[in-house]
Amino acid sequence: MSNYSAISATSQIKVGGGKLIGMIVSSTSTGTITFYDSEDGNDSDPVIIATLTPAAGSSFLISSGLYFNKGLYAVIAETLAVTIVYE
């Protein structure tokens, strides 16, 4: 069963292992998002998805999911509202 988190600022989504399933972009104004395998937002932790500049109304589904070990941390720059889907 998947979980979700609607965010519009840099956030810790989950601490501990899991997998990133996808995201739905509600709105953006040149916003970017980067996902890290991190429990505390340390940008030297492994990058799950490098800086992405999505369009409003777009959605991304990762059919098998992307596994992370330490946690799921999302860094948002500029203006971006997104729902993250994860397990």
Protein backbone atom coordinates (compact mmCIF):
# COMPACT_ATOMS: atom_id res chain seq x y z
CA MET A 1 0.00 0.00 0.00
CA SER A 2 1.38 3.41 -0.96
CA ASN A 3 1.58 6.55 1.16
CA TYR A 4 1.60 10.15 0.02
CA SER A 5 2.80 13.55 1.14
CA ALA A 6 1.72 16.87 -0.40
CA ILE A 7 4.53 19.43 -0.05
CA SER A 8 5.48 22.88 -1.34
CA ALA A 9 8.79 23.32 0.50
CA THR A 10 11.89 21.25 1.24
CA SER A 11 10.76 18.33 3.42
CA GLN A 12 11.71 15.03 5.00
CA ILE A 13 9.16 12.66 3.47
CA LYS A 14 10.15 9.44 5.26
CA VAL A 15 12.90 8.28 7.61
CA GLY A 16 14.24 4.77 7.02
CA GLY A 17 14.03 2.45 4.05
CA GLY A 18 11.31 2.50 1.44
CA LYS A 19 10.74 3.25 -2.20
CA LEU A 20 9.75 6.27 -4.25
CA ILE A 21 6.79 5.42 -6.47
CA GLY A 22 6.14 8.74 -8.21
CA MET A 23 4.89 12.30 -7.97
CA ILE A 24 2.11 14.55 -9.19
CA VAL A 25 2.89 18.22 -9.81
CA SER A 26 -0.04 20.48 -8.86
CA SER A 27 1.56 23.82 -9.68
CA THR A 28 4.93 25.37 -10.36
CA SER A 29 6.64 28.57 -11.39
CA THR A 30 10.08 27.46 -12.61
CA GLY A 31 10.33 25.23 -9.54
CA THR A 32 12.75 22.33 -9.22
CA ILE A 33 12.89 19.25 -7.04
CA THR A 34 15.75 16.95 -6.06
CA PHE A 35 15.35 13.71 -4.12
CA TYR A 36 18.00 12.40 -1.71
CA ASP A 37 18.44 9.12 0.15
CA SER A 38 18.83 10.99 3.43
CA GLU A 39 17.48 10.98 6.97
CA ASP A 40 18.47 14.59 7.67
CA GLY A 41 18.77 16.47 4.37
CA ASN A 42 22.53 16.16 4.07
CA ASP A 43 23.30 17.01 0.43
CA SER A 44 26.34 14.71 0.49
CA ASP A 45 23.97 11.73 0.80
CA PRO A 46 23.14 9.79 -2.39
CA VAL A 47 20.92 11.54 -4.94
CA ILE A 48 17.89 9.47 -5.94
CA ILE A 49 16.72 11.87 -8.66
CA ALA A 50 18.91 14.81 -9.66
CA THR A 51 17.41 18.27 -10.09
CA LEU A 52 14.19 17.97 -12.08
CA THR A 53 12.18 20.90 -13.50
CA PRO A 54 8.67 19.48 -13.96
CA ALA A 55 5.72 21.17 -15.64
CA ALA A 56 2.48 21.89 -13.77
CA GLY A 57 -0.04 19.11 -14.24
CA SER A 58 2.61 16.50 -14.97
CA SER A 59 2.91 13.20 -13.18
CA PHE A 60 5.73 10.70 -12.93
CA LEU A 61 5.25 7.02 -12.15
CA ILE A 62 8.20 4.74 -11.45
CA SER A 63 6.66 1.33 -12.08
CA SER A 64 9.03 -0.72 -9.92
CA GLY A 65 9.87 2.13 -7.56
CA LEU A 66 13.27 3.51 -6.59
CA TYR A 67 14.54 2.10 -3.30
CA PHE A 68 16.16 4.27 -0.62
CA ASN A 69 17.82 3.20 2.63
CA LYS A 70 18.30 6.18 4.96
CA GLY A 71 15.14 8.11 4.12
CA LEU A 72 13.40 10.14 1.45
CA TYR A 73 14.23 13.84 1.46
CA ALA A 74 12.95 16.32 -1.16
CA VAL A 75 14.60 19.67 -1.83
CA ILE A 76 12.36 22.22 -3.55
CA ALA A 77 13.67 25.43 -5.08
CA GLU A 78 11.48 28.30 -6.30
CA THR A 79 7.72 27.57 -6.32
CA LEU A 80 6.50 24.01 -6.63
CA ALA A 81 3.53 22.14 -5.14
CA VAL A 82 3.80 18.38 -5.51
CA THR A 83 2.37 15.17 -4.07
CA ILE A 84 4.99 12.49 -3.46
CA VAL A 85 3.89 8.84 -3.57
CA TYR A 86 6.06 6.34 -1.68
CA GLU A 87 6.08 3.11 0.28
